[in-house]
Amino acid sequence: YDWDVANEALDGDGKYRNSVFFRELGEGFIAEAFQLAHQADPDAKLYYNDFGIEGIGTKSTATLELVAELVESGVPIHGIGIQSH
């Protein structure tokens, strides 16, 4: 199985979207979501998913940096999903 754990967390300028998760839990909400998903299903592949990141730009760079930082800190992220619909 695989899960899209976090979806569209960054806006077009590469900053966190003003979502209820960000407002209530702060920047750590993505790491916490991945940790909880891993606890719930340790064998699942876990993905960060977003749109507008298929080319080189502000949002794609921010997404890659965010995921790399999380992975380096031990957050179980297995890949990035790219929406293109």
Protein backbone atom coordinates (compact mmCIF):
# COMPACT_ATOMS: atom_id res chain seq x y z
CA TYR A 1 0.00 0.00 0.00
CA ASP A 2 0.94 3.63 -0.34
CA TRP A 3 -0.47 6.78 1.21
CA ASP A 4 -0.48 10.42 0.14
CA VAL A 5 0.07 11.71 3.66
CA ALA A 6 0.42 15.44 3.02
CA ASN A 7 -1.19 17.15 0.05
CA GLU A 8 -0.74 20.70 -1.25
CA ALA A 9 0.89 22.04 1.92
CA LEU A 10 2.86 24.76 0.11
CA ASP A 11 1.51 27.68 -1.87
CA GLY A 12 2.87 29.00 -5.16
CA ASP A 13 5.64 31.02 -3.54
CA GLY A 14 6.94 27.99 -1.64
CA LYS A 15 5.61 29.00 1.78
CA TYR A 16 3.22 26.99 3.92
CA ARG A 17 -0.40 27.43 2.92
CA ASN A 18 -2.58 29.03 5.57
CA SER A 19 -4.40 25.76 6.27
CA VAL A 20 -6.11 24.75 9.49
CA PHE A 21 -3.28 22.24 10.04
CA PHE A 22 -0.62 24.93 9.73
CA ARG A 23 -2.54 27.41 11.89
CA GLU A 24 -3.25 24.91 14.66
CA LEU A 25 -0.10 22.74 14.61
CA GLY A 26 2.59 24.92 13.03
CA GLU A 27 5.35 23.86 10.67
CA GLY A 28 5.70 20.48 12.40
CA PHE A 29 2.35 19.23 11.16
CA ILE A 30 3.81 17.51 8.10
CA ALA A 31 6.43 15.59 10.08
CA GLU A 32 3.82 14.61 12.64
CA ALA A 33 1.42 13.39 9.95
CA PHE A 34 4.12 11.18 8.40
CA GLN A 35 5.14 9.78 11.79
CA LEU A 36 1.52 8.93 12.63
CA ALA A 37 0.92 7.36 9.21
CA HIS A 38 4.05 5.23 9.64
CA GLN A 39 2.90 4.11 13.09
CA ALA A 40 -0.50 3.17 11.67
CA ASP A 41 0.95 1.21 8.74
CA PRO A 42 4.72 0.61 8.99
CA ASP A 43 4.86 -1.22 5.65
CA ALA A 44 3.15 1.50 3.59
CA LYS A 45 5.07 3.79 1.25
CA LEU A 46 4.39 7.39 2.28
CA TYR A 47 4.30 10.34 -0.12
CA TYR A 48 4.15 14.11 -0.10
CA ASN A 49 1.83 15.19 -2.96
CA ASP A 50 1.45 18.54 -4.71
CA PHE A 51 0.74 20.29 -8.00
CA GLY A 52 2.78 22.86 -9.89
CA ILE A 53 6.09 21.17 -9.06
CA GLU A 54 6.77 19.40 -12.35
CA GLY A 55 9.15 22.13 -13.56
CA ILE A 56 11.96 24.10 -11.99
CA GLY A 57 10.65 27.02 -9.97
CA THR A 58 10.04 28.48 -6.55
CA LYS A 59 7.41 25.94 -5.45
CA SER A 60 9.25 22.88 -6.77
CA THR A 61 12.50 23.99 -5.15
CA ALA A 62 10.75 24.64 -1.84
CA THR A 63 9.05 21.24 -2.03
CA LEU A 64 12.31 19.40 -2.68
CA GLU A 65 14.05 21.28 0.13
CA LEU A 66 11.20 20.60 2.56
CA VAL A 67 11.10 16.88 1.80
CA ALA A 68 14.91 16.59 1.93
CA GLU A 69 15.01 18.31 5.35
CA LEU A 70 12.28 16.04 6.68
CA VAL A 71 13.96 12.88 5.38
CA GLU A 72 17.32 13.99 6.81
CA SER A 73 15.66 14.44 10.20
CA GLY A 74 14.33 10.88 10.10
CA VAL A 75 10.76 11.47 8.88
CA PRO A 76 9.59 8.42 6.88
CA ILE A 77 8.87 9.93 3.46
CA HIS A 78 9.36 7.60 0.51
CA GLY A 79 8.64 9.92 -2.39
CA ILE A 80 6.93 12.92 -3.91
CA GLY A 81 3.71 12.70 -5.91
CA ILE A 82 3.21 15.16 -8.75
CA GLN A 83 -0.37 16.08 -9.61
CA SER A 84 -0.94 16.98 -13.23
CA HIS A 85 -4.64 17.08 -13.84
